[in-house]
PDB file of N, CA and C in Angstrom:
ATOM      1  N   MET A   1      41.130  21.282  76.691  1.00  0.00           N
ATOM      2  CA  MET A   1      41.797  22.361  75.988  1.00  0.00           C
ATOM      3  C   MET A   1      42.779  21.776  75.001  1.00  0.00           C
ATOM      4  N   LEU A   2      43.083  22.558  73.998  1.00  0.00           N
ATOM      5  CA  LEU A   2      44.066  22.128  73.020  1.00  0.00           C
ATOM      6  C   LEU A   2      44.848  23.316  72.501  1.00  0.00           C
ATOM      7  N   LEU A   3      46.013  23.012  71.933  1.00  0.00           N
ATOM      8  CA  LEU A   3      46.816  24.036  71.273  1.00  0.00           C
ATOM      9  C   LEU A   3      46.377  24.121  69.832  1.00  0.00           C
ATOM     10  N   ALA A   4      46.382  25.325  69.275  1.00  0.00           N
ATOM     11  CA  ALA A   4      46.012  25.500  67.866  1.00  0.00           C
ATOM     12  C   ALA A   4      46.740  26.714  67.307  1.00  0.00           C
ATOM     13  N   ARG A   5      46.870  26.730  66.003  1.00  0.00           N
ATOM     14  CA  ARG A   5      47.464  27.861  65.305  1.00  0.00           C
ATOM     15  C   ARG A   5      46.344  28.592  64.564  1.00  0.00           C
ATOM     16  N   VAL A   6      46.283  29.905  64.701  1.00  0.00           N
ATOM     17  CA  VAL A   6      45.259  30.691  64.004  1.00  0.00           C
ATOM     18  C   VAL A   6      45.647  30.818  62.538  1.00  0.00           C
ATOM     19  N   LEU A   7      44.745  30.359  61.670  1.00  0.00           N
ATOM     20  CA  LEU A   7      45.004  30.404  60.227  1.00  0.00           C
ATOM     21  C   LEU A   7      44.432  31.659  59.588  1.00  0.00           C
ATOM     22  N   GLY A   8      43.362  32.182  60.157  1.00  0.00           N
ATOM     23  CA  GLY A   8      42.753  33.369  59.559  1.00  0.00           C
ATOM     24  C   GLY A   8      41.447  33.720  60.231  1.00  0.00           C
ATOM     25  N   ASN A   9      40.863  34.765  59.722  1.00  0.00           N
ATOM     26  CA  ASN A   9      39.615  35.310  60.247  1.00  0.00           C
ATOM     27  C   ASN A   9      38.473  34.910  59.322  1.00  0.00           C
ATOM     28  N   VAL A  10      37.355  34.518  59.882  1.00  0.00           N
ATOM     29  CA  VAL A  10      36.176  34.181  59.087  1.00  0.00           C
ATOM     30  C   VAL A  10      35.201  35.346  59.185  1.00  0.00           C
ATOM     31  N   VAL A  11      34.819  35.892  58.054  1.00  0.00           N
ATOM     32  CA  VAL A  11      33.905  37.035  58.043  1.00  0.00           C
ATOM     33  C   VAL A  11      32.485  36.528  57.853  1.00  0.00           C
ATOM     34  N   ALA A  12      31.617  36.873  58.806  1.00  0.00           N
ATOM     35  CA  ALA A  12      30.201  36.511  58.729  1.00  0.00           C
ATOM     36  C   ALA A  12      29.394  37.801  58.906  1.00  0.00           C
ATOM     37  N   THR A  13      28.898  38.338  57.828  1.00  0.00           N
ATOM     38  CA  THR A  13      28.173  39.606  57.913  1.00  0.00           C
ATOM     39  C   THR A  13      26.783  39.423  58.512  1.00  0.00           C
ATOM     40  N   GLN A  14      26.258  38.220  58.458  1.00  0.00           N
ATOM     41  CA  GLN A  14      24.956  37.927  59.050  1.00  0.00           C
ATOM     42  C   GLN A  14      25.161  36.864  60.130  1.00  0.00           C
ATOM     43  N   LYS A  15      24.927  37.236  61.366  1.00  0.00           N
ATOM     44  CA  LYS A  15      25.050  36.257  62.438  1.00  0.00           C
ATOM     45  C   LYS A  15      24.133  36.653  63.588  1.00  0.00           C
ATOM     46  N   ASN A  16      23.909  35.742  64.482  1.00  0.00           N
ATOM     47  CA  ASN A  16      23.065  35.980  65.636  1.00  0.00           C
ATOM     48  C   ASN A  16      23.583  37.209  66.386  1.00  0.00           C
ATOM     49  N   GLN A  17      22.647  38.074  66.830  1.00  0.00           N
ATOM     50  CA  GLN A  17      23.040  39.318  67.496  1.00  0.00           C
ATOM     51  C   GLN A  17      23.877  39.078  68.744  1.00  0.00           C
ATOM     52  N   ARG A  18      23.746  37.908  69.317  1.00  0.00           N
ATOM     53  CA  ARG A  18      24.524  37.572  70.504  1.00  0.00           C
ATOM     54  C   ARG A  18      26.027  37.606  70.222  1.00  0.00           C
ATOM     55  N   TYR A  19      26.378  37.464  68.943  1.00  0.00           N
ATOM     56  CA  TYR A  19      27.787  37.405  68.557  1.00  0.00           C
ATOM     57  C   TYR A  19      28.251  38.671  67.852  1.00  0.00           C
ATOM     58  N   ASP A  20      27.446  39.734  67.920  1.00  0.00           N
ATOM     59  CA  ASP A  20      27.869  41.003  67.334  1.00  0.00           C
ATOM     60  C   ASP A  20      29.191  41.431  67.951  1.00  0.00           C
ATOM     61  N   GLY A  21      30.119  41.811  67.126  1.00  0.00           N
ATOM     62  CA  GLY A  21      31.418  42.270  67.601  1.00  0.00           C
ATOM     63  C   GLY A  21      32.408  41.156  67.886  1.00  0.00           C
ATOM     64  N   ALA A  22      31.940  39.910  67.875  1.00  0.00           N
ATOM     65  CA  ALA A  22      32.830  38.783  68.132  1.00  0.00           C
ATOM     66  C   ALA A  22      33.498  38.340  66.834  1.00  0.00           C
ATOM     67  N   ARG A  23      34.752  37.981  66.924  1.00  0.00           N
ATOM     68  CA  ARG A  23      35.473  37.504  65.754  1.00  0.00           C
ATOM     69  C   ARG A  23      35.488  35.988  65.744  1.00  0.00           C
ATOM     70  N   ILE A  24      35.283  35.433  64.574  1.00  0.00           N
ATOM     71  CA  ILE A  24      35.347  33.990  64.382  1.00  0.00           C
ATOM     72  C   ILE A  24      36.651  33.694  63.650  1.00  0.00           C
ATOM     73  N   MET A  25      37.447  32.805  64.219  1.00  0.00           N
ATOM     74  CA  MET A  25      38.749  32.507  63.651  1.00  0.00           C
ATOM     75  C   MET A  25      38.801  31.052  63.178  1.00  0.00           C
ATOM     76  N   LEU A  26      39.543  30.829  62.089  1.00  0.00           N
ATOM     77  CA  LEU A  26      39.826  29.474  61.610  1.00  0.00           C
ATOM     78  C   LEU A  26      41.132  29.040  62.251  1.00  0.00           C
ATOM     79  N   VAL A  27      41.102  27.903  62.971  1.00  0.00           N
ATOM     80  CA  VAL A  27      42.299  27.441  63.677  1.00  0.00           C
ATOM     81  C   VAL A  27      42.624  26.001  63.286  1.00  0.00           C
ATOM     82  N   GLN A  28      43.913  25.683  63.381  1.00  0.00           N
ATOM     83  CA  GLN A  28      44.400  24.324  63.122  1.00  0.00           C
ATOM     84  C   GLN A  28      44.953  23.762  64.425  1.00  0.00           C
ATOM     85  N   PRO A  29      44.356  22.710  64.992  1.00  0.00           N
ATOM     86  CA  PRO A  29      44.949  22.085  66.176  1.00  0.00           C
ATOM     87  C   PRO A  29      46.377  21.618  65.862  1.00  0.00           C
ATOM     88  N   VAL A  30      47.279  21.779  66.847  1.00  0.00           N
ATOM     89  CA  VAL A  30      48.679  21.393  66.653  1.00  0.00           C
ATOM     90  C   VAL A  30      49.176  20.621  67.869  1.00  0.00           C
ATOM     91  N   ASN A  31      50.238  19.844  67.651  1.00  0.00           N
ATOM     92  CA  ASN A  31      50.939  19.168  68.735  1.00  0.00           C
ATOM     93  C   ASN A  31      51.857  20.181  69.423  1.00  0.00           C
ATOM     94  N   PRO A  32      52.397  19.842  70.600  1.00  0.00           N
ATOM     95  CA  PRO A  32      53.312  20.774  71.277  1.00  0.00           C
ATOM     96  C   PRO A  32      54.517  21.182  70.426  1.00  0.00           C
ATOM     97  N   ASP A  33      54.932  20.323  69.464  1.00  0.00           N
ATOM     98  CA  ASP A  33      56.057  20.689  68.594  1.00  0.00           C
ATOM     99  C   ASP A  33      55.618  21.547  67.405  1.00  0.00           C
ATOM    100  N   GLY A  34      54.342  21.861  67.325  1.00  0.00           N
ATOM    101  CA  GLY A  34      53.837  22.745  66.277  1.00  0.00           C
ATOM    102  C   GLY A  34      53.321  22.050  65.034  1.00  0.00           C
ATOM    103  N   THR A  35      53.451  20.721  64.960  1.00  0.00           N
ATOM    104  CA  THR A  35      52.938  20.007  63.791  1.00  0.00           C
ATOM    105  C   THR A  35      51.403  19.913  63.862  1.00  0.00           C
ATOM    106  N   ALA A  36      50.802  19.997  62.702  1.00  0.00           N
ATOM    107  CA  ALA A  36      49.344  19.975  62.621  1.00  0.00           C
ATOM    108  C   ALA A  36      48.792  18.602  62.991  1.00  0.00           C
ATOM    109  N   ARG A  37      47.606  18.615  63.588  1.00  0.00           N
ATOM    110  CA  ARG A  37      46.896  17.363  63.880  1.00  0.00           C
ATOM    111  C   ARG A  37      45.408  17.620  63.793  1.00  0.00           C
ATOM    112  N   GLY A  38      44.685  16.654  63.311  1.00  0.00           N
ATOM    113  CA  GLY A  38      43.233  16.770  63.255  1.00  0.00           C
ATOM    114  C   GLY A  38      42.747  17.775  62.235  1.00  0.00           C
ATOM    115  N   ALA A  39      41.454  17.988  62.256  1.00  0.00           N
ATOM    116  CA  ALA A  39      40.788  18.862  61.295  1.00  0.00           C
ATOM    117  C   ALA A  39      40.786  20.321  61.762  1.00  0.00           C
ATOM    118  N   GLN A  40      40.829  21.218  60.811  1.00  0.00           N
ATOM    119  CA  GLN A  40      40.695  22.635  61.123  1.00  0.00           C
ATOM    120  C   GLN A  40      39.306  22.878  61.696  1.00  0.00           C
ATOM    121  N   MET A  41      39.172  23.951  62.473  1.00  0.00           N
ATOM    122  CA  MET A  41      37.880  24.245  63.078  1.00  0.00           C
ATOM    123  C   MET A  41      37.707  25.744  63.280  1.00  0.00           C
ATOM    124  N   LEU A  42      36.494  26.134  63.595  1.00  0.00           N
ATOM    125  CA  LEU A  42      36.188  27.529  63.883  1.00  0.00           C
ATOM    126  C   LEU A  42      36.134  27.715  65.390  1.00  0.00           C
ATOM    127  N   ALA A  43      36.598  28.877  65.846  1.00  0.00           N
ATOM    128  CA  ALA A  43      36.555  29.195  67.275  1.00  0.00           C
ATOM    129  C   ALA A  43      36.283  30.684  67.433  1.00  0.00           C
ATOM    130  N   LEU A  44      35.432  31.025  68.377  1.00  0.00           N
ATOM    131  CA  LEU A  44      35.178  32.425  68.705  1.00  0.00           C
ATOM    132  C   LEU A  44      36.373  32.959  69.480  1.00  0.00           C
ATOM    133  N   ASP A  45      36.837  34.126  69.111  1.00  0.00           N
ATOM    134  CA  ASP A  45      38.029  34.708  69.730  1.00  0.00           C
ATOM    135  C   ASP A  45      37.635  35.582  70.914  1.00  0.00           C
ATOM    136  N   SER A  46      38.195  35.281  72.099  1.00  0.00           N
ATOM    137  CA  SER A  46      37.890  36.096  73.279  1.00  0.00           C
ATOM    138  C   SER A  46      39.112  36.841  73.787  1.00  0.00           C
ATOM    139  N   VAL A  47      40.251  36.739  73.071  1.00  0.00           N
ATOM    140  CA  VAL A  47      41.489  37.351  73.579  1.00  0.00           C
ATOM    141  C   VAL A  47      42.211  38.197  72.534  1.00  0.00           C
ATOM    142  N   ASP A  48      41.556  38.505  71.433  1.00  0.00           N
ATOM    143  CA  ASP A  48      42.156  39.316  70.366  1.00  0.00           C
ATOM    144  C   ASP A  48      43.379  38.636  69.753  1.00  0.00           C
ATOM    145  N   ALA A  49      43.243  37.351  69.446  1.00  0.00           N
ATOM    146  CA  ALA A  49      44.317  36.603  68.788  1.00  0.00           C
ATOM    147  C   ALA A  49      44.419  37.048  67.330  1.00  0.00           C
ATOM    148  N   GLY A  50      45.575  36.792  66.749  1.00  0.00           N
ATOM    149  CA  GLY A  50      45.785  37.168  65.359  1.00  0.00           C
ATOM    150  C   GLY A  50      46.295  36.004  64.535  1.00  0.00           C
ATOM    151  N   GLU A  51      46.263  36.183  63.230  1.00  0.00           N
ATOM    152  CA  GLU A  51      46.726  35.146  62.315  1.00  0.00           C
ATOM    153  C   GLU A  51      48.168  34.776  62.646  1.00  0.00           C
ATOM    154  N   GLY A  52      48.436  33.466  62.740  1.00  0.00           N
ATOM    155  CA  GLY A  52      49.765  32.965  63.043  1.00  0.00           C
ATOM    156  C   GLY A  52      50.005  32.731  64.525  1.00  0.00           C
ATOM    157  N   ASP A  53      49.144  33.260  65.392  1.00  0.00           N
ATOM    158  CA  ASP A  53      49.328  33.067  66.830  1.00  0.00           C
ATOM    159  C   ASP A  53      49.093  31.609  67.217  1.00  0.00           C
ATOM    160  N   LEU A  54      49.876  31.139  68.187  1.00  0.00           N
ATOM    161  CA  LEU A  54      49.619  29.859  68.839  1.00  0.00           C
ATOM    162  C   LEU A  54      48.670  30.150  69.986  1.00  0.00           C
ATOM    163  N   VAL A  55      47.570  29.432  70.062  1.00  0.00           N
ATOM    164  CA  VAL A  55      46.527  29.771  71.027  1.00  0.00           C
ATOM    165  C   VAL A  55      46.051  28.538  71.790  1.00  0.00           C
ATOM    166  N   VAL A  56      45.362  28.791  72.891  1.00  0.00           N
ATOM    167  CA  VAL A  56      44.687  27.746  73.650  1.00  0.00           C
ATOM    168  C   VAL A  56      43.212  27.825  73.304  1.00  0.00           C
ATOM    169  N   VAL A  57      42.652  26.685  72.939  1.00  0.00           N
ATOM    170  CA  VAL A  57      41.242  26.613  72.563  1.00  0.00           C
ATOM    171  C   VAL A  57      40.519  25.684  73.526  1.00  0.00           C
ATOM    172  N   VAL A  58      39.375  26.121  74.010  1.00  0.00           N
ATOM    173  CA  VAL A  58      38.526  25.263  74.823  1.00  0.00           C
ATOM    174  C   VAL A  58      37.385  24.778  73.945  1.00  0.00           C
ATOM    175  N   GLN A  59      37.074  23.489  74.067  1.00  0.00           N
ATOM    176  CA  GLN A  59      36.063  22.888  73.203  1.00  0.00           C
ATOM    177  C   GLN A  59      34.852  22.380  73.972  1.00  0.00           C
ATOM    178  N   GLU A  60      34.650  22.831  75.133  1.00  0.00           N
ATOM    179  CA  GLU A  60      33.484  22.407  75.902  1.00  0.00           C
ATOM    180  C   GLU A  60      32.480  23.558  75.856  1.00  0.00           C
ATOM    181  N   GLY A  61      31.277  23.300  75.450  1.00  0.00           N
ATOM    182  CA  GLY A  61      30.308  24.337  75.164  1.00  0.00           C
ATOM    183  C   GLY A  61      30.093  25.344  76.273  1.00  0.00           C
ATOM    184  N   TRP A  62      29.946  24.895  77.498  1.00  0.00           N
ATOM    185  CA  TRP A  62      29.678  25.808  78.610  1.00  0.00           C
ATOM    186  C   TRP A  62      30.843  26.772  78.800  1.00  0.00           C
ATOM    187  N   SER A  63      32.052  26.239  78.858  1.00  0.00           N
ATOM    188  CA  SER A  63      33.238  27.078  79.030  1.00  0.00           C
ATOM    189  C   SER A  63      33.448  27.990  77.832  1.00  0.00           C
ATOM    190  N   ALA A  64      33.249  27.465  76.647  1.00  0.00           N
ATOM    191  CA  ALA A  64      33.463  28.262  75.438  1.00  0.00           C
ATOM    192  C   ALA A  64      32.506  29.440  75.389  1.00  0.00           C
ATOM    193  N   SER A  65      31.251  29.202  75.702  1.00  0.00           N
ATOM    194  CA  SER A  65      30.264  30.282  75.606  1.00  0.00           C
ATOM    195  C   SER A  65      30.505  31.359  76.647  1.00  0.00           C
ATOM    196  N   THR A  66      30.829  30.968  77.876  1.00  0.00           N
ATOM    197  CA  THR A  66      31.045  31.986  78.903  1.00  0.00           C
ATOM    198  C   THR A  66      32.353  32.733  78.677  1.00  0.00           C
ATOM    199  N   ALA A  67      33.382  32.041  78.182  1.00  0.00           N
ATOM    200  CA  ALA A  67      34.667  32.701  77.932  1.00  0.00           C
ATOM    201  C   ALA A  67      34.559  33.694  76.779  1.00  0.00           C
ATOM    202  N   ALA A  68      33.837  33.343  75.761  1.00  0.00           N
ATOM    203  CA  ALA A  68      33.810  34.171  74.556  1.00  0.00           C
ATOM    204  C   ALA A  68      32.778  35.287  74.609  1.00  0.00           C
ATOM    205  N   THR A  69      31.659  35.074  75.298  1.00  0.00           N
ATOM    206  CA  THR A  69      30.589  36.078  75.278  1.00  0.00           C
ATOM    207  C   THR A  69      30.299  36.662  76.654  1.00  0.00           C
ATOM    208  N   GLY A  70      30.800  36.038  77.702  1.00  0.00           N
ATOM    209  CA  GLY A  70      30.481  36.482  79.046  1.00  0.00           C
ATOM    210  C   GLY A  70      29.104  36.044  79.495  1.00  0.00           C
ATOM    211  N   GLU A  71      28.444  35.274  78.658  1.00  0.00           N
ATOM    212  CA  GLU A  71      27.108  34.781  78.980  1.00  0.00           C
ATOM    213  C   GLU A  71      27.111  33.259  78.890  1.00  0.00           C
ATOM    214  N   GLN A  72      26.217  32.662  79.626  1.00  0.00           N
ATOM    215  CA  GLN A  72      26.087  31.211  79.560  1.00  0.00           C
ATOM    216  C   GLN A  72      25.089  30.840  78.483  1.00  0.00           C
ATOM    217  N   GLY A  73      25.275  29.665  77.939  1.00  0.00           N
ATOM    218  CA  GLY A  73      24.280  29.119  77.039  1.00  0.00           C
ATOM    219  C   GLY A  73      24.366  29.549  75.590  1.00  0.00           C
ATOM    220  N   ALA A  74      25.396  30.291  75.195  1.00  0.00           N
ATOM    221  CA  ALA A  74      25.534  30.638  73.791  1.00  0.00           C
ATOM    222  C   ALA A  74      25.893  29.382  73.003  1.00  0.00           C
ATOM    223  N   ALA A  75      25.468  29.331  71.770  1.00  0.00           N
ATOM    224  CA  ALA A  75      25.706  28.150  70.940  1.00  0.00           C
ATOM    225  C   ALA A  75      27.108  28.198  70.344  1.00  0.00           C
ATOM    226  N   ILE A  76      28.083  27.877  71.156  1.00  0.00           N
ATOM    227  CA  ILE A  76      29.482  27.903  70.724  1.00  0.00           C
ATOM    228  C   ILE A  76      30.118  26.579  71.095  1.00  0.00           C
ATOM    229  N   ASP A  77      30.834  25.999  70.155  1.00  0.00           N
ATOM    230  CA  ASP A  77      31.543  24.750  70.427  1.00  0.00           C
ATOM    231  C   ASP A  77      32.970  24.992  70.866  1.00  0.00           C
ATOM    232  N   SER A  78      33.587  26.072  70.355  1.00  0.00           N
ATOM    233  CA  SER A  78      35.002  26.301  70.616  1.00  0.00           C
ATOM    234  C   SER A  78      35.271  27.786  70.792  1.00  0.00           C
ATOM    235  N   ALA A  79      36.187  28.098  71.704  1.00  0.00           N
ATOM    236  CA  ALA A  79      36.589  29.486  71.910  1.00  0.00           C
ATOM    237  C   ALA A  79      38.088  29.554  72.157  1.00  0.00           C
ATOM    238  N   ILE A  80      38.708  30.610  71.629  1.00  0.00           N
ATOM    239  CA  ILE A  80      40.115  30.876  71.908  1.00  0.00           C
ATOM    240  C   ILE A  80      40.157  31.614  73.237  1.00  0.00           C
ATOM    241  N   ILE A  81      40.884  31.037  74.202  1.00  0.00           N
ATOM    242  CA  ILE A  81      40.907  31.631  75.540  1.00  0.00           C
ATOM    243  C   ILE A  81      42.287  32.114  75.966  1.00  0.00           C
ATOM    244  N   GLY A  82      43.309  31.918  75.117  1.00  0.00           N
ATOM    245  CA  GLY A  82      44.636  32.378  75.476  1.00  0.00           C
ATOM    246  C   GLY A  82      45.581  32.380  74.292  1.00  0.00           C
ATOM    247  N   VAL A  83      46.535  33.298  74.312  1.00  0.00           N
ATOM    248  CA  VAL A  83      47.607  33.327  73.313  1.00  0.00           C
ATOM    249  C   VAL A  83      48.856  32.785  74.000  1.00  0.00           C
ATOM    250  N   VAL A  84      49.471  31.773  73.399  1.00  0.00           N
ATOM    251  CA  VAL A  84      50.611  31.082  73.999  1.00  0.00           C
ATOM    252  C   VAL A  84      51.905  31.810  73.636  1.00  0.00           C
ATOM    253  N   ASP A  85      52.713  32.108  74.660  1.00  0.00           N
ATOM    254  CA  ASP A  85      54.012  32.732  74.425  1.00  0.00           C
ATOM    255  C   ASP A  85      55.056  31.688  74.032  1.00  0.00           C
ATOM    256  N   PHE A  86      55.079  30.564  74.730  1.00  0.00           N
ATOM    257  CA  PHE A  86      55.974  29.473  74.364  1.00  0.00           C
ATOM    258  C   PHE A  86      55.484  28.191  75.019  1.00  0.00           C
ATOM    259  N   VAL A  87      55.949  27.068  74.486  1.00  0.00           N
ATOM    260  CA  VAL A  87      55.628  25.750  75.037  1.00  0.00           C
ATOM    261  C   VAL A  87      56.940  25.125  75.491  1.00  0.00           C
ATOM    262  N   GLU A  88      56.977  24.677  76.732  1.00  0.00           N
ATOM    263  CA  GLU A  88      58.162  24.040  77.276  1.00  0.00           C
ATOM    264  C   GLU A  88      57.803  22.602  77.605  1.00  0.00           C
ATOM    265  N   VAL A  89      58.463  21.646  76.958  1.00  0.00           N
ATOM    266  CA  VAL A  89      58.199  20.228  77.182  1.00  0.00           C
ATOM    267  C   VAL A  89      59.413  19.602  77.859  1.00  0.00           C
ATOM    268  N   HIS A  90      59.190  18.868  78.941  1.00  0.00           N
ATOM    269  CA  HIS A  90      60.299  18.222  79.670  1.00  0.00           C
ATOM    270  C   HIS A  90      60.271  16.745  79.450  1.00  0.00           C
TER     271      HIS A  90
END
């Protein structure tokens, strides 16, 4: 899992029917202090995240597909599985 910031929504008018109604979001992985790291990526939203939200993203295909669609085996690399309220580092 990783922390990421939602940058925006990706509109795909033509997509596999398995993803009908699912939102695809553009996210930027971030460090716990909020600084950007790595490349931006796409993630299927399973928790109704919004632009600017700090989120938890899972990048393992099996977990991502079941979290985002409720089905196994969907072709998904990443899914947003949580909206973060705050990060506490000790």
